Amino acid sequence: MQSNSTTIDNSASGTSYIFGTVDVAADGENKWTKVDTLIMIQKNNLVIISLASEDTEDHFMGAPIYGIVDSMTDKNGNEMIETGGTQTAGNVTSGGNVTQGIKDFFNGTGK
């Protein structure tokens, strides 16, 4: 992903916004390139990925893609949020890496 604008708030009650562009793959092949994208991470446990409808032939019909954040690391691999393997309403923490998950989603390129 190429970042155009980023606001990171990794407090337990904050929301992080990452604006940029991504290449989206389907069945292992790039389907759309340079898709305007907003990734929101809410309260360090919910990730919402919104892809521009006009860049994806309205494939997602304006609906975002939701996921759960297990872990969040900086570029050096340091953990940015507390994890304890505990589960509470709306929050599950147990290993994984949101960055790797996003790279996997976007065909392993991280773009």
N, C-alpha and C. Protein backbone atom coordinates (compact mmCIF):
# COMPACT_ATOMS: atom_id res chain seq x y z
N MET A 1 0.84 -1.17 0.00
CA MET A 1 0.00 0.00 0.00
C MET A 1 0.88 1.23 0.00
N GLN A 2 0.53 2.19 -0.79
CA GLN A 2 1.23 3.45 -0.82
C GLN A 2 0.42 4.43 0.01
N SER A 3 1.03 4.99 1.05
CA SER A 3 0.30 5.87 1.96
C SER A 3 0.35 7.30 1.48
N ASN A 4 -0.81 7.94 1.42
CA ASN A 4 -0.90 9.34 1.05
C ASN A 4 -1.07 10.21 2.28
N SER A 5 -1.73 9.69 3.31
CA SER A 5 -2.01 10.44 4.53
C SER A 5 -2.31 9.43 5.63
N THR A 6 -1.72 9.65 6.79
CA THR A 6 -1.91 8.70 7.87
C THR A 6 -2.06 9.43 9.19
N THR A 7 -3.03 9.00 10.01
CA THR A 7 -3.18 9.47 11.37
C THR A 7 -3.26 8.23 12.24
N ILE A 8 -2.28 8.05 13.13
CA ILE A 8 -2.24 6.87 13.98
C ILE A 8 -2.54 7.27 15.42
N ASP A 9 -3.53 6.63 16.01
CA ASP A 9 -3.87 6.80 17.43
C ASP A 9 -3.98 5.40 18.00
N ASN A 10 -2.91 4.92 18.63
CA ASN A 10 -2.95 3.55 19.12
C ASN A 10 -3.37 3.46 20.59
N SER A 11 -4.08 4.49 21.07
CA SER A 11 -4.66 4.40 22.41
C SER A 11 -5.83 3.42 22.36
N ALA A 12 -6.19 2.88 23.50
CA ALA A 12 -7.26 1.87 23.55
C ALA A 12 -8.60 2.40 23.07
N SER A 13 -8.79 3.72 23.08
CA SER A 13 -10.08 4.28 22.66
C SER A 13 -9.99 5.03 21.34
N GLY A 14 -8.81 5.05 20.72
CA GLY A 14 -8.60 5.85 19.53
C GLY A 14 -8.89 5.13 18.23
N THR A 15 -8.87 5.92 17.14
CA THR A 15 -9.06 5.39 15.80
C THR A 15 -7.91 5.86 14.93
N SER A 16 -7.31 4.94 14.18
CA SER A 16 -6.24 5.27 13.24
C SER A 16 -6.82 5.27 11.82
N TYR A 17 -6.36 6.23 11.01
CA TYR A 17 -6.80 6.35 9.62
C TYR A 17 -5.59 6.27 8.71
N ILE A 18 -5.64 5.40 7.74
CA ILE A 18 -4.57 5.27 6.76
C ILE A 18 -5.21 5.42 5.38
N PHE A 19 -4.84 6.50 4.68
CA PHE A 19 -5.33 6.74 3.33
C PHE A 19 -4.21 6.40 2.36
N GLY A 20 -4.55 5.77 1.25
CA GLY A 20 -3.54 5.45 0.26
C GLY A 20 -4.13 4.75 -0.93
N THR A 21 -3.29 4.07 -1.67
CA THR A 21 -3.74 3.30 -2.83
C THR A 21 -3.21 1.88 -2.70
N VAL A 22 -3.96 0.93 -3.23
CA VAL A 22 -3.58 -0.48 -3.19
C VAL A 22 -3.86 -1.13 -4.54
N ASP A 23 -3.19 -2.25 -4.78
CA ASP A 23 -3.52 -3.12 -5.89
C ASP A 23 -4.31 -4.28 -5.31
N VAL A 24 -5.44 -4.61 -5.91
CA VAL A 24 -6.32 -5.67 -5.39
C VAL A 24 -6.27 -6.86 -6.34
N ALA A 25 -6.01 -8.04 -5.77
CA ALA A 25 -5.91 -9.26 -6.56
C ALA A 25 -7.11 -10.16 -6.31
N ALA A 26 -7.47 -10.93 -7.32
CA ALA A 26 -8.50 -11.96 -7.21
C ALA A 26 -7.95 -13.20 -7.88
N ASP A 27 -8.06 -14.33 -7.23
CA ASP A 27 -7.53 -15.59 -7.77
C ASP A 27 -6.05 -15.48 -8.14
N GLY A 28 -5.29 -14.74 -7.31
CA GLY A 28 -3.85 -14.65 -7.51
C GLY A 28 -3.39 -13.68 -8.59
N GLU A 29 -4.31 -12.97 -9.23
CA GLU A 29 -3.94 -12.03 -10.27
C GLU A 29 -4.50 -10.66 -9.97
N ASN A 30 -3.70 -9.61 -10.28
CA ASN A 30 -4.19 -8.25 -10.05
C ASN A 30 -5.45 -8.00 -10.86
N LYS A 31 -6.48 -7.58 -10.16
CA LYS A 31 -7.75 -7.26 -10.81
C LYS A 31 -7.88 -5.75 -11.00
N TRP A 32 -7.48 -4.99 -9.96
CA TRP A 32 -7.54 -3.53 -10.01
C TRP A 32 -6.24 -2.98 -9.43
N THR A 33 -5.71 -1.93 -10.05
CA THR A 33 -4.48 -1.31 -9.55
C THR A 33 -4.75 0.13 -9.14
N LYS A 34 -3.94 0.60 -8.21
CA LYS A 34 -4.02 1.98 -7.72
C LYS A 34 -5.42 2.34 -7.25
N VAL A 35 -6.02 1.46 -6.44
CA VAL A 35 -7.36 1.68 -5.90
C VAL A 35 -7.26 2.59 -4.69
N ASP A 36 -7.97 3.72 -4.71
CA ASP A 36 -8.01 4.59 -3.54
C ASP A 36 -8.62 3.82 -2.38
N THR A 37 -7.95 3.89 -1.22
CA THR A 37 -8.31 3.03 -0.09
C THR A 37 -8.22 3.80 1.22
N LEU A 38 -9.14 3.50 2.12
CA LEU A 38 -9.09 3.98 3.50
C LEU A 38 -9.09 2.76 4.40
N ILE A 39 -8.08 2.68 5.27
CA ILE A 39 -8.04 1.63 6.29
C ILE A 39 -8.21 2.31 7.63
N MET A 40 -9.22 1.90 8.38
CA MET A 40 -9.45 2.43 9.73
C MET A 40 -9.23 1.31 10.73
N ILE A 41 -8.54 1.63 11.82
CA ILE A 41 -8.36 0.69 12.91
C ILE A 41 -8.97 1.33 14.14
N GLN A 42 -10.06 0.75 14.63
CA GLN A 42 -10.80 1.33 15.75
C GLN A 42 -10.49 0.58 17.04
N LYS A 43 -10.14 1.34 18.07
CA LYS A 43 -9.90 0.82 19.41
C LYS A 43 -8.93 -0.36 19.42
N ASN A 44 -8.00 -0.36 18.48
CA ASN A 44 -6.97 -1.40 18.37
C ASN A 44 -7.52 -2.81 18.19
N ASN A 45 -8.80 -2.95 17.81
CA ASN A 45 -9.29 -4.32 17.64
C ASN A 45 -10.17 -4.54 16.42
N LEU A 46 -10.56 -3.50 15.71
CA LEU A 46 -11.39 -3.65 14.52
C LEU A 46 -10.73 -2.94 13.35
N VAL A 47 -10.55 -3.64 12.24
CA VAL A 47 -10.01 -3.02 11.03
C VAL A 47 -11.13 -2.97 9.99
N ILE A 48 -11.25 -1.82 9.35
CA ILE A 48 -12.26 -1.60 8.31
C ILE A 48 -11.51 -1.12 7.07
N ILE A 49 -11.64 -1.85 5.98
CA ILE A 49 -10.97 -1.50 4.73
C ILE A 49 -12.04 -1.08 3.72
N SER A 50 -11.96 0.18 3.27
CA SER A 50 -12.90 0.70 2.28
C SER A 50 -12.17 0.95 0.98
N LEU A 51 -12.63 0.33 -0.09
CA LEU A 51 -12.04 0.47 -1.42
C LEU A 51 -12.96 1.32 -2.28
N ALA A 52 -12.40 2.25 -3.04
CA ALA A 52 -13.19 3.15 -3.88
C ALA A 52 -13.98 2.37 -4.92
N SER A 53 -15.29 2.58 -4.92
CA SER A 53 -16.18 1.88 -5.87
C SER A 53 -15.81 2.16 -7.31
N GLU A 54 -15.45 3.41 -7.61
CA GLU A 54 -15.14 3.76 -8.99
C GLU A 54 -13.85 3.11 -9.48
N ASP A 55 -13.00 2.67 -8.54
CA ASP A 55 -11.75 2.02 -8.93
C ASP A 55 -11.87 0.50 -9.00
N THR A 56 -13.00 -0.05 -8.52
CA THR A 56 -13.19 -1.52 -8.48
C THR A 56 -14.44 -1.96 -9.23
N GLU A 57 -14.88 -1.13 -10.17
CA GLU A 57 -16.09 -1.44 -10.95
C GLU A 57 -17.27 -1.74 -10.04
N ASP A 58 -17.32 -1.07 -8.89
CA ASP A 58 -18.38 -1.22 -7.87
C ASP A 58 -18.53 -2.67 -7.41
N HIS A 59 -17.44 -3.42 -7.45
CA HIS A 59 -17.45 -4.83 -7.07
C HIS A 59 -17.94 -5.05 -5.63
N PHE A 60 -17.54 -4.16 -4.72
CA PHE A 60 -17.90 -4.32 -3.31
C PHE A 60 -19.19 -3.58 -2.97
N MET A 61 -19.79 -2.92 -3.95
CA MET A 61 -21.06 -2.19 -3.80
C MET A 61 -21.04 -1.24 -2.61
N GLY A 62 -19.90 -0.59 -2.39
CA GLY A 62 -19.78 0.39 -1.31
C GLY A 62 -19.60 -0.20 0.07
N ALA A 63 -19.64 -1.52 0.19
CA ALA A 63 -19.51 -2.17 1.50
C ALA A 63 -18.03 -2.32 1.86
N PRO A 64 -17.66 -1.98 3.10
CA PRO A 64 -16.28 -2.17 3.53
C PRO A 64 -15.99 -3.63 3.86
N ILE A 65 -14.73 -3.93 4.03
CA ILE A 65 -14.27 -5.26 4.46
C ILE A 65 -13.88 -5.13 5.92
N TYR A 66 -14.40 -6.00 6.77
CA TYR A 66 -14.15 -5.93 8.21
C TYR A 66 -13.22 -7.05 8.65
N GLY A 67 -12.44 -6.78 9.69
CA GLY A 67 -11.58 -7.80 10.27
C GLY A 67 -11.26 -7.47 11.72
N ILE A 68 -10.63 -8.41 12.39
CA ILE A 68 -10.23 -8.27 13.79
C ILE A 68 -8.71 -8.11 13.85
N VAL A 69 -8.24 -7.16 14.63
CA VAL A 69 -6.81 -6.93 14.83
C VAL A 69 -6.34 -7.80 15.98
N ASP A 70 -5.40 -8.71 15.70
CA ASP A 70 -4.80 -9.53 16.74
C ASP A 70 -3.52 -8.89 17.27
N SER A 71 -2.80 -8.19 16.39
CA SER A 71 -1.51 -7.63 16.74
C SER A 71 -1.23 -6.48 15.78
N MET A 72 -0.44 -5.51 16.24
CA MET A 72 -0.06 -4.40 15.37
C MET A 72 1.40 -4.07 15.67
N THR A 73 2.26 -4.15 14.65
CA THR A 73 3.68 -3.90 14.85
C THR A 73 4.14 -2.72 14.00
N ASP A 74 5.21 -2.07 14.46
CA ASP A 74 5.80 -0.99 13.67
C ASP A 74 6.74 -1.59 12.62
N LYS A 75 7.39 -0.72 11.85
CA LYS A 75 8.23 -1.21 10.75
C LYS A 75 9.42 -2.04 11.23
N ASN A 76 9.78 -1.92 12.52
CA ASN A 76 10.89 -2.69 13.08
C ASN A 76 10.42 -3.97 13.75
N GLY A 77 9.12 -4.25 13.70
CA GLY A 77 8.59 -5.46 14.30
C GLY A 77 8.22 -5.34 15.76
N ASN A 78 8.30 -4.13 16.32
CA ASN A 78 7.94 -3.92 17.72
C ASN A 78 6.43 -3.82 17.88
N GLU A 79 5.91 -4.50 18.88
CA GLU A 79 4.47 -4.49 19.15
C GLU A 79 4.03 -3.08 19.55
N MET A 80 2.94 -2.59 18.94
CA MET A 80 2.44 -1.25 19.21
C MET A 80 1.26 -1.24 20.18
N ILE A 81 0.62 -2.37 20.37
CA ILE A 81 -0.52 -2.44 21.28
C ILE A 81 -0.32 -3.59 22.25
N GLU A 82 -0.98 -3.48 23.40
CA GLU A 82 -0.90 -4.55 24.39
C GLU A 82 -1.73 -5.73 23.94
N THR A 83 -1.15 -6.90 24.06
CA THR A 83 -1.90 -8.12 23.81
C THR A 83 -1.71 -9.02 25.01
N GLY A 84 -2.73 -9.77 25.33
CA GLY A 84 -2.62 -10.66 26.47
C GLY A 84 -3.32 -11.96 26.25
N GLY A 85 -3.77 -12.19 25.03
CA GLY A 85 -4.48 -13.42 24.74
C GLY A 85 -5.82 -13.50 25.44
N THR A 86 -6.38 -12.35 25.80
CA THR A 86 -7.66 -12.33 26.50
C THR A 86 -8.77 -12.02 25.53
N GLN A 87 -9.97 -12.37 25.91
CA GLN A 87 -11.12 -12.09 25.06
C GLN A 87 -12.15 -11.34 25.88
N THR A 88 -12.59 -10.21 25.33
CA THR A 88 -13.67 -9.43 25.93
C THR A 88 -14.66 -9.14 24.82
N ALA A 89 -15.80 -8.60 25.18
CA ALA A 89 -16.81 -8.29 24.17
C ALA A 89 -16.21 -7.39 23.09
N GLY A 90 -16.22 -7.85 21.86
CA GLY A 90 -15.74 -7.05 20.74
C GLY A 90 -14.23 -6.99 20.62
N ASN A 91 -13.50 -7.76 21.44
CA ASN A 91 -12.04 -7.70 21.38
C ASN A 91 -11.44 -9.08 21.58
N VAL A 92 -10.63 -9.50 20.63
CA VAL A 92 -9.91 -10.77 20.76
C VAL A 92 -8.46 -10.45 20.48
N THR A 93 -7.57 -10.84 21.39
CA THR A 93 -6.15 -10.62 21.17
C THR A 93 -5.40 -11.92 21.37
N SER A 94 -4.73 -12.38 20.32
CA SER A 94 -3.95 -13.61 20.44
C SER A 94 -3.07 -13.81 19.22
N GLY A 95 -1.93 -13.15 19.19
CA GLY A 95 -0.97 -13.35 18.11
C GLY A 95 -1.40 -12.78 16.78
N GLY A 96 -0.68 -13.10 15.72
CA GLY A 96 -0.99 -12.59 14.39
C GLY A 96 -0.38 -11.23 14.16
N ASN A 97 -0.64 -10.65 13.02
CA ASN A 97 -0.07 -9.37 12.68
C ASN A 97 -0.96 -8.71 11.65
N VAL A 98 -1.52 -7.55 11.99
CA VAL A 98 -2.45 -6.89 11.07
C VAL A 98 -1.74 -6.51 9.77
N THR A 99 -0.48 -6.10 9.86
CA THR A 99 0.24 -5.72 8.65
C THR A 99 0.38 -6.92 7.72
N GLN A 100 0.76 -8.07 8.27
CA GLN A 100 0.90 -9.26 7.44
C GLN A 100 -0.45 -9.65 6.84
N GLY A 101 -1.51 -9.55 7.64
CA GLY A 101 -2.84 -9.87 7.14
C GLY A 101 -3.24 -8.99 5.98
N ILE A 102 -2.93 -7.70 6.08
CA ILE A 102 -3.26 -6.78 5.00
C ILE A 102 -2.40 -7.10 3.78
N LYS A 103 -1.12 -7.42 3.98
CA LYS A 103 -0.27 -7.80 2.84
C LYS A 103 -0.83 -9.05 2.17
N ASP A 104 -1.25 -10.03 2.96
CA ASP A 104 -1.82 -11.24 2.39
C ASP A 104 -3.08 -10.92 1.59
N PHE A 105 -3.92 -10.03 2.12
CA PHE A 105 -5.16 -9.66 1.45
C PHE A 105 -4.86 -9.03 0.09
N PHE A 106 -3.83 -8.20 0.04
CA PHE A 106 -3.49 -7.53 -1.20
C PHE A 106 -2.40 -8.27 -1.96
N ASN A 107 -2.58 -9.60 -2.09
CA ASN A 107 -1.72 -10.44 -2.93
C ASN A 107 -0.28 -10.50 -2.46
N GLY A 108 -0.05 -10.33 -1.15
CA GLY A 108 1.28 -10.48 -0.61
C GLY A 108 2.24 -9.36 -0.94
N THR A 109 1.79 -8.31 -1.59
CA THR A 109 2.70 -7.25 -2.00
C THR A 109 2.81 -6.15 -0.98
N GLY A 110 1.83 -6.01 -0.10
CA GLY A 110 1.83 -4.91 0.84
C GLY A 110 1.53 -3.58 0.18
N LYS A 111 1.08 -3.62 -1.06
CA LYS A 111 0.77 -2.39 -1.80
C LYS A 111 -0.73 -2.26 -1.94
